[in-house]
């Protein structure tokens, strides 16, 4: 991962507080874990098959950190940062923009569906 990309992403990551009493094991640095996440996503291997020899920690550590970052909205914020930078550099062509209806809430709601009517004559007869 390049330093430039890391400098953009690091401020968006949530800060974890260590307990003062019984702090447990010191967590791996976020950059190493992110490299492990990218390795798994790039290669398509399963999380538990991530080799610890690469220095990214265990696959479960990477998976948990990805889950936590996803719940914190890190990826949506990063997407917004990139869109703002591209828009400021006039690198976006908004005339080619498409709004995906699966992500846009219908304010008035849609028409309610009518109940489906059966096209059969009636229930099937028992064969026993």
N, C-alpha and C. Protein backbone atom coordinates (compact mmCIF):
# COMPACT_ATOMS: atom_id res chain seq x y z
N UNK A 1 0.85 -1.17 0.00
CA UNK A 1 0.00 0.00 0.00
C UNK A 1 0.90 1.24 0.00
N UNK A 2 0.55 2.17 -0.86
CA UNK A 2 1.38 3.37 -0.98
C UNK A 2 1.16 4.28 0.23
N UNK A 3 2.17 5.10 0.50
CA UNK A 3 2.07 6.05 1.61
C UNK A 3 0.99 7.08 1.35
N UNK A 4 0.81 7.47 0.09
CA UNK A 4 -0.20 8.46 -0.27
C UNK A 4 -1.61 7.95 0.06
N UNK A 5 -1.89 6.69 -0.31
CA UNK A 5 -3.20 6.11 -0.02
C UNK A 5 -3.39 5.94 1.48
N UNK A 6 -2.34 5.52 2.17
CA UNK A 6 -2.44 5.33 3.62
C UNK A 6 -2.70 6.66 4.33
N UNK A 7 -2.08 7.73 3.85
CA UNK A 7 -2.29 9.04 4.46
C UNK A 7 -3.73 9.51 4.31
N UNK A 8 -4.41 9.09 3.25
CA UNK A 8 -5.82 9.45 3.08
C UNK A 8 -6.73 8.60 3.96
N UNK A 9 -6.35 7.34 4.13
CA UNK A 9 -7.21 6.40 4.84
C UNK A 9 -7.05 6.47 6.36
N UNK A 10 -5.87 6.69 6.83
CA UNK A 10 -5.59 6.61 8.28
C UNK A 10 -6.48 7.51 9.13
N UNK A 11 -6.75 8.77 8.74
CA UNK A 11 -7.62 9.60 9.60
C UNK A 11 -9.06 9.10 9.69
N UNK A 12 -9.48 8.26 8.76
CA UNK A 12 -10.85 7.77 8.76
C UNK A 12 -11.04 6.55 9.67
N UNK A 13 -9.95 5.91 10.06
CA UNK A 13 -10.05 4.70 10.87
C UNK A 13 -10.38 5.05 12.32
N UNK A 14 -11.29 4.30 12.92
CA UNK A 14 -11.63 4.58 14.33
C UNK A 14 -10.47 4.24 15.25
N UNK A 15 -10.28 5.06 16.26
CA UNK A 15 -9.22 4.83 17.24
C UNK A 15 -9.74 3.90 18.33
N UNK A 16 -8.95 2.89 18.64
CA UNK A 16 -9.34 1.94 19.68
C UNK A 16 -8.61 2.29 20.96
N UNK A 17 -9.35 2.29 22.05
CA UNK A 17 -8.77 2.60 23.37
C UNK A 17 -8.38 1.28 24.04
N UNK A 18 -7.18 1.26 24.59
CA UNK A 18 -6.76 0.08 25.35
C UNK A 18 -7.16 0.28 26.80
N UNK A 19 -7.57 -0.80 27.41
CA UNK A 19 -7.89 -0.74 28.84
C UNK A 19 -6.62 -0.51 29.63
N UNK A 20 -6.72 0.28 30.68
CA UNK A 20 -5.54 0.53 31.50
C UNK A 20 -5.26 -0.67 32.41
N UNK A 21 -6.32 -1.31 32.85
CA UNK A 21 -6.15 -2.49 33.69
C UNK A 21 -6.42 -3.72 32.83
N UNK A 22 -5.53 -4.66 32.83
CA UNK A 22 -5.59 -5.86 31.99
C UNK A 22 -5.71 -5.47 30.52
N UNK A 23 -4.72 -4.80 29.98
CA UNK A 23 -4.85 -4.33 28.60
C UNK A 23 -4.79 -5.43 27.56
N UNK A 24 -4.26 -6.57 27.91
CA UNK A 24 -4.18 -7.66 26.94
C UNK A 24 -3.04 -7.45 25.97
N UNK A 25 -3.07 -8.23 24.91
CA UNK A 25 -2.02 -8.17 23.90
C UNK A 25 -2.12 -6.88 23.12
N UNK A 26 -0.98 -6.32 22.76
CA UNK A 26 -0.96 -5.08 21.99
C UNK A 26 -1.46 -5.38 20.57
N UNK A 27 -2.43 -4.61 20.07
CA UNK A 27 -2.98 -4.90 18.74
C UNK A 27 -1.98 -4.60 17.63
N UNK A 28 -2.16 -5.30 16.52
CA UNK A 28 -1.32 -5.06 15.35
C UNK A 28 -1.63 -3.68 14.78
N UNK A 29 -0.64 -3.05 14.15
CA UNK A 29 -0.90 -1.76 13.52
C UNK A 29 -1.94 -1.89 12.40
N UNK A 30 -2.75 -0.86 12.26
CA UNK A 30 -3.83 -0.90 11.28
C UNK A 30 -3.32 -1.08 9.86
N UNK A 31 -2.18 -0.52 9.55
CA UNK A 31 -1.66 -0.62 8.19
C UNK A 31 -1.32 -2.06 7.83
N UNK A 32 -0.72 -2.80 8.76
CA UNK A 32 -0.42 -4.20 8.51
C UNK A 32 -1.69 -5.01 8.31
N UNK A 33 -2.68 -4.74 9.14
CA UNK A 33 -3.94 -5.47 9.05
C UNK A 33 -4.63 -5.14 7.73
N UNK A 34 -4.59 -3.89 7.31
CA UNK A 34 -5.20 -3.51 6.04
C UNK A 34 -4.53 -4.22 4.88
N UNK A 35 -3.21 -4.36 4.93
CA UNK A 35 -2.51 -5.10 3.89
C UNK A 35 -2.94 -6.56 3.88
N UNK A 36 -3.19 -7.13 5.05
CA UNK A 36 -3.71 -8.50 5.12
C UNK A 36 -5.10 -8.61 4.53
N UNK A 37 -5.96 -7.62 4.80
CA UNK A 37 -7.31 -7.60 4.23
C UNK A 37 -7.23 -7.53 2.71
N UNK A 38 -6.37 -6.64 2.21
CA UNK A 38 -6.22 -6.50 0.76
C UNK A 38 -5.66 -7.77 0.13
N UNK A 39 -4.77 -8.45 0.84
CA UNK A 39 -4.20 -9.71 0.34
C UNK A 39 -5.29 -10.76 0.19
N UNK A 40 -6.14 -10.89 1.19
CA UNK A 40 -7.23 -11.87 1.14
C UNK A 40 -8.21 -11.52 0.02
N UNK A 41 -8.58 -10.25 -0.08
CA UNK A 41 -9.54 -9.84 -1.09
C UNK A 41 -8.96 -9.96 -2.50
N UNK A 42 -7.66 -9.72 -2.65
CA UNK A 42 -7.03 -9.79 -3.96
C UNK A 42 -6.85 -11.24 -4.42
N UNK A 43 -6.40 -12.11 -3.52
CA UNK A 43 -6.11 -13.48 -3.90
C UNK A 43 -7.34 -14.38 -3.86
N UNK A 44 -8.33 -14.01 -3.05
CA UNK A 44 -9.52 -14.84 -2.96
C UNK A 44 -9.38 -16.02 -2.00
N UNK A 45 -8.30 -16.04 -1.22
CA UNK A 45 -8.15 -17.13 -0.26
C UNK A 45 -9.11 -16.92 0.90
N UNK A 46 -9.32 -17.97 1.68
CA UNK A 46 -10.19 -17.84 2.83
C UNK A 46 -9.42 -17.14 3.95
N UNK A 47 -10.19 -16.52 4.84
CA UNK A 47 -9.56 -15.74 5.92
C UNK A 47 -8.62 -16.61 6.75
N UNK A 48 -9.02 -17.82 7.07
CA UNK A 48 -8.19 -18.65 7.94
C UNK A 48 -6.94 -19.18 7.23
N UNK A 49 -6.88 -19.03 5.90
CA UNK A 49 -5.71 -19.49 5.15
C UNK A 49 -4.66 -18.40 4.95
N UNK A 50 -4.87 -17.22 5.52
CA UNK A 50 -3.89 -16.14 5.40
C UNK A 50 -2.63 -16.53 6.17
N UNK A 51 -1.48 -16.64 5.49
CA UNK A 51 -0.26 -17.06 6.18
C UNK A 51 0.22 -16.01 7.19
N UNK A 52 0.49 -16.44 8.39
CA UNK A 52 0.98 -15.52 9.43
C UNK A 52 2.40 -15.07 9.13
N UNK A 53 3.10 -15.82 8.29
CA UNK A 53 4.48 -15.47 7.95
C UNK A 53 4.57 -14.16 7.17
N UNK A 54 3.47 -13.73 6.57
CA UNK A 54 3.47 -12.48 5.81
C UNK A 54 3.49 -11.26 6.72
N UNK A 55 3.19 -11.45 8.01
CA UNK A 55 3.24 -10.35 8.96
C UNK A 55 1.97 -9.53 9.06
N UNK A 56 0.87 -10.07 8.53
CA UNK A 56 -0.41 -9.36 8.56
C UNK A 56 -1.27 -9.77 9.74
N UNK A 57 -0.80 -10.67 10.55
CA UNK A 57 -1.61 -11.20 11.64
C UNK A 57 -2.45 -12.36 11.15
N UNK A 58 -3.33 -12.82 11.99
CA UNK A 58 -4.16 -13.95 11.59
C UNK A 58 -5.30 -13.47 10.70
N UNK A 59 -5.88 -14.40 9.97
CA UNK A 59 -7.01 -14.07 9.12
C UNK A 59 -8.19 -13.59 9.94
N UNK A 60 -8.37 -14.13 11.13
CA UNK A 60 -9.49 -13.73 11.97
C UNK A 60 -9.31 -12.29 12.46
N UNK A 61 -8.07 -11.91 12.75
CA UNK A 61 -7.80 -10.52 13.14
C UNK A 61 -8.16 -9.58 12.00
N UNK A 62 -7.74 -9.93 10.79
CA UNK A 62 -8.05 -9.09 9.63
C UNK A 62 -9.55 -9.03 9.40
N UNK A 63 -10.23 -10.17 9.54
CA UNK A 63 -11.68 -10.19 9.31
C UNK A 63 -12.40 -9.32 10.34
N UNK A 64 -12.00 -9.43 11.61
CA UNK A 64 -12.65 -8.62 12.66
C UNK A 64 -12.44 -7.13 12.43
N UNK A 65 -11.22 -6.76 12.06
CA UNK A 65 -10.93 -5.35 11.81
C UNK A 65 -11.73 -4.85 10.61
N UNK A 66 -11.85 -5.67 9.55
CA UNK A 66 -12.67 -5.29 8.39
C UNK A 66 -14.12 -5.11 8.81
N UNK A 67 -14.63 -6.00 9.64
CA UNK A 67 -16.01 -5.88 10.14
C UNK A 67 -16.19 -4.60 10.94
N UNK A 68 -15.26 -4.30 11.82
CA UNK A 68 -15.36 -3.09 12.65
C UNK A 68 -15.29 -1.83 11.79
N UNK A 69 -14.41 -1.82 10.82
CA UNK A 69 -14.29 -0.65 9.96
C UNK A 69 -15.52 -0.49 9.09
N UNK A 70 -16.08 -1.59 8.66
CA UNK A 70 -17.30 -1.53 7.85
C UNK A 70 -18.45 -0.97 8.67
N UNK A 71 -18.58 -1.42 9.93
CA UNK A 71 -19.64 -0.92 10.80
C UNK A 71 -19.44 0.55 11.15
N UNK A 72 -18.19 1.01 11.17
CA UNK A 72 -17.89 2.41 11.47
C UNK A 72 -18.08 3.31 10.25
N UNK A 73 -18.34 2.72 9.08
CA UNK A 73 -18.57 3.51 7.87
C UNK A 73 -17.30 4.04 7.23
N UNK A 74 -16.18 3.38 7.46
CA UNK A 74 -14.90 3.85 6.92
C UNK A 74 -14.92 3.86 5.39
N UNK A 75 -15.47 2.81 4.78
CA UNK A 75 -15.42 2.70 3.32
C UNK A 75 -16.31 3.74 2.65
N UNK A 76 -17.45 4.05 3.26
CA UNK A 76 -18.31 5.09 2.70
C UNK A 76 -17.63 6.46 2.80
N UNK A 77 -16.95 6.70 3.92
CA UNK A 77 -16.24 7.97 4.08
C UNK A 77 -15.09 8.08 3.08
N UNK A 78 -14.36 6.98 2.86
CA UNK A 78 -13.26 6.99 1.91
C UNK A 78 -13.79 7.23 0.50
N UNK A 79 -14.90 6.63 0.18
CA UNK A 79 -15.54 6.85 -1.13
C UNK A 79 -15.89 8.32 -1.30
N UNK A 80 -16.43 8.93 -0.25
CA UNK A 80 -16.77 10.35 -0.30
C UNK A 80 -15.54 11.23 -0.48
N UNK A 81 -14.44 10.87 0.19
CA UNK A 81 -13.19 11.63 0.06
C UNK A 81 -12.69 11.57 -1.38
N UNK A 82 -12.69 10.37 -1.95
CA UNK A 82 -12.23 10.22 -3.33
C UNK A 82 -13.13 10.97 -4.31
N UNK A 83 -14.44 10.90 -4.11
CA UNK A 83 -15.35 11.64 -4.99
C UNK A 83 -15.12 13.14 -4.90
N UNK A 84 -14.91 13.64 -3.69
CA UNK A 84 -14.67 15.07 -3.51
C UNK A 84 -13.37 15.50 -4.20
N UNK A 85 -12.32 14.68 -4.07
CA UNK A 85 -11.05 15.01 -4.71
C UNK A 85 -11.17 14.98 -6.23
N UNK A 86 -11.84 13.98 -6.76
CA UNK A 86 -12.02 13.90 -8.21
C UNK A 86 -12.88 15.04 -8.72
N UNK A 87 -13.92 15.39 -7.97
CA UNK A 87 -14.78 16.49 -8.38
C UNK A 87 -14.02 17.82 -8.35
N UNK A 88 -13.19 18.03 -7.33
CA UNK A 88 -12.40 19.26 -7.25
C UNK A 88 -11.39 19.35 -8.39
N UNK A 89 -10.90 18.22 -8.86
CA UNK A 89 -9.93 18.20 -9.96
C UNK A 89 -10.63 18.17 -11.32
N UNK A 90 -11.97 18.27 -11.30
CA UNK A 90 -12.78 18.23 -12.54
C UNK A 90 -12.52 16.95 -13.35
N UNK A 91 -12.40 15.84 -12.63
CA UNK A 91 -12.15 14.55 -13.27
C UNK A 91 -13.41 13.69 -13.34
N UNK A 92 -14.55 14.20 -12.87
CA UNK A 92 -15.80 13.45 -12.91
C UNK A 92 -16.72 14.01 -13.98
N UNK A 93 -17.33 13.12 -14.74
CA UNK A 93 -18.31 13.51 -15.74
C UNK A 93 -19.68 13.15 -15.19
N UNK A 94 -20.35 14.14 -14.57
CA UNK A 94 -21.62 13.89 -13.90
C UNK A 94 -22.73 13.60 -14.90
N UNK A 95 -22.54 13.89 -16.18
CA UNK A 95 -23.57 13.56 -17.17
C UNK A 95 -23.69 12.05 -17.37
N UNK A 96 -22.68 11.31 -16.96
CA UNK A 96 -22.70 9.85 -17.09
C UNK A 96 -23.06 9.18 -15.77
N UNK A 97 -23.52 9.95 -14.82
CA UNK A 97 -23.87 9.43 -13.49
C UNK A 97 -25.18 8.66 -13.55
N UNK A 98 -25.24 7.55 -12.85
CA UNK A 98 -26.44 6.73 -12.78
C UNK A 98 -26.80 6.55 -11.32
N UNK A 99 -28.04 6.77 -11.00
CA UNK A 99 -28.51 6.56 -9.64
C UNK A 99 -29.08 5.15 -9.56
N UNK A 100 -28.53 4.37 -8.67
CA UNK A 100 -28.97 2.99 -8.50
C UNK A 100 -30.17 2.98 -7.58
N UNK A 101 -31.27 2.45 -8.06
CA UNK A 101 -32.50 2.50 -7.27
C UNK A 101 -32.44 1.62 -6.03
N UNK A 102 -31.51 0.69 -5.98
CA UNK A 102 -31.44 -0.15 -4.78
C UNK A 102 -30.82 0.61 -3.61
N UNK A 103 -30.21 1.77 -3.86
CA UNK A 103 -29.59 2.55 -2.80
C UNK A 103 -30.31 3.87 -2.52
N UNK A 104 -31.38 4.13 -3.24
CA UNK A 104 -32.12 5.38 -3.07
C UNK A 104 -33.48 5.04 -2.49
N UNK A 105 -33.80 5.63 -1.36
CA UNK A 105 -35.06 5.33 -0.68
C UNK A 105 -36.20 6.05 -1.39
N UNK A 106 -37.30 5.34 -1.59
CA UNK A 106 -38.50 5.94 -2.17
C UNK A 106 -39.23 6.69 -1.07
N UNK A 107 -39.33 8.01 -1.20
CA UNK A 107 -39.89 8.81 -0.12
C UNK A 107 -41.37 8.57 0.09
N UNK A 108 -42.13 8.46 -0.98
CA UNK A 108 -43.57 8.24 -0.86
C UNK A 108 -43.92 6.76 -0.74
N UNK A 109 -42.98 5.92 -1.04
CA UNK A 109 -43.25 4.49 -1.02
C UNK A 109 -43.87 4.06 -2.33
N UNK A 110 -43.77 2.81 -2.62
CA UNK A 110 -44.34 2.29 -3.86
C UNK A 110 -45.75 1.80 -3.64
N UNK A 111 -46.38 1.46 -4.75
CA UNK A 111 -47.74 0.92 -4.67
C UNK A 111 -47.67 -0.46 -4.00
N UNK A 112 -48.66 -0.74 -3.18
CA UNK A 112 -48.69 -2.04 -2.53
C UNK A 112 -49.10 -3.08 -3.55
N UNK A 113 -48.49 -4.21 -3.46
CA UNK A 113 -48.78 -5.29 -4.40
C UNK A 113 -50.08 -5.96 -4.03
N UNK A 114 -50.83 -6.30 -5.05
CA UNK A 114 -52.07 -7.04 -4.82
C UNK A 114 -51.73 -8.49 -4.52
N UNK A 115 -52.59 -9.15 -3.79
CA UNK A 115 -52.38 -10.56 -3.49
C UNK A 115 -52.47 -11.36 -4.76
N UNK A 116 -51.64 -12.35 -4.86
CA UNK A 116 -51.66 -13.22 -6.04
C UNK A 116 -52.86 -14.14 -5.94
N UNK A 117 -53.52 -14.24 -7.05
CA UNK A 117 -54.66 -15.15 -7.09
C UNK A 117 -54.22 -16.48 -7.63
N UNK A 118 -54.74 -17.52 -7.10
CA UNK A 118 -54.42 -18.86 -7.55
C UNK A 118 -55.06 -19.10 -8.90
N UNK A 119 -54.33 -19.76 -9.79
CA UNK A 119 -54.90 -20.07 -11.10
C UNK A 119 -55.39 -21.52 -11.16
N UNK A 120 -55.18 -22.26 -10.09
CA UNK A 120 -55.65 -23.63 -10.05
C UNK A 120 -57.10 -23.69 -9.64
N UNK A 121 -57.74 -24.82 -9.93
CA UNK A 121 -59.15 -24.99 -9.59
C UNK A 121 -59.35 -25.08 -8.09
N UNK A 122 -58.42 -25.61 -7.38
CA UNK A 122 -58.55 -25.75 -5.94
C UNK A 122 -57.36 -26.55 -5.42
N UNK A 123 -57.38 -26.87 -4.14
CA UNK A 123 -56.28 -27.64 -3.61
C UNK A 123 -56.23 -29.04 -4.24
N UNK A 124 -55.04 -29.56 -4.37
CA UNK A 124 -54.88 -30.91 -4.95
C UNK A 124 -55.44 -31.95 -3.99
N UNK A 125 -55.94 -32.99 -4.58
CA UNK A 125 -56.50 -34.06 -3.74
C UNK A 125 -55.39 -34.86 -3.11
N UNK A 126 -55.66 -35.41 -1.94
CA UNK A 126 -54.69 -36.22 -1.24
C UNK A 126 -54.48 -37.53 -1.96
N UNK A 127 -53.24 -37.97 -2.00
CA UNK A 127 -52.92 -39.24 -2.65
C UNK A 127 -52.85 -40.39 -1.67
N UNK A 128 -53.09 -40.11 -0.37
CA UNK A 128 -53.01 -41.20 0.62
C UNK A 128 -54.38 -41.64 1.04
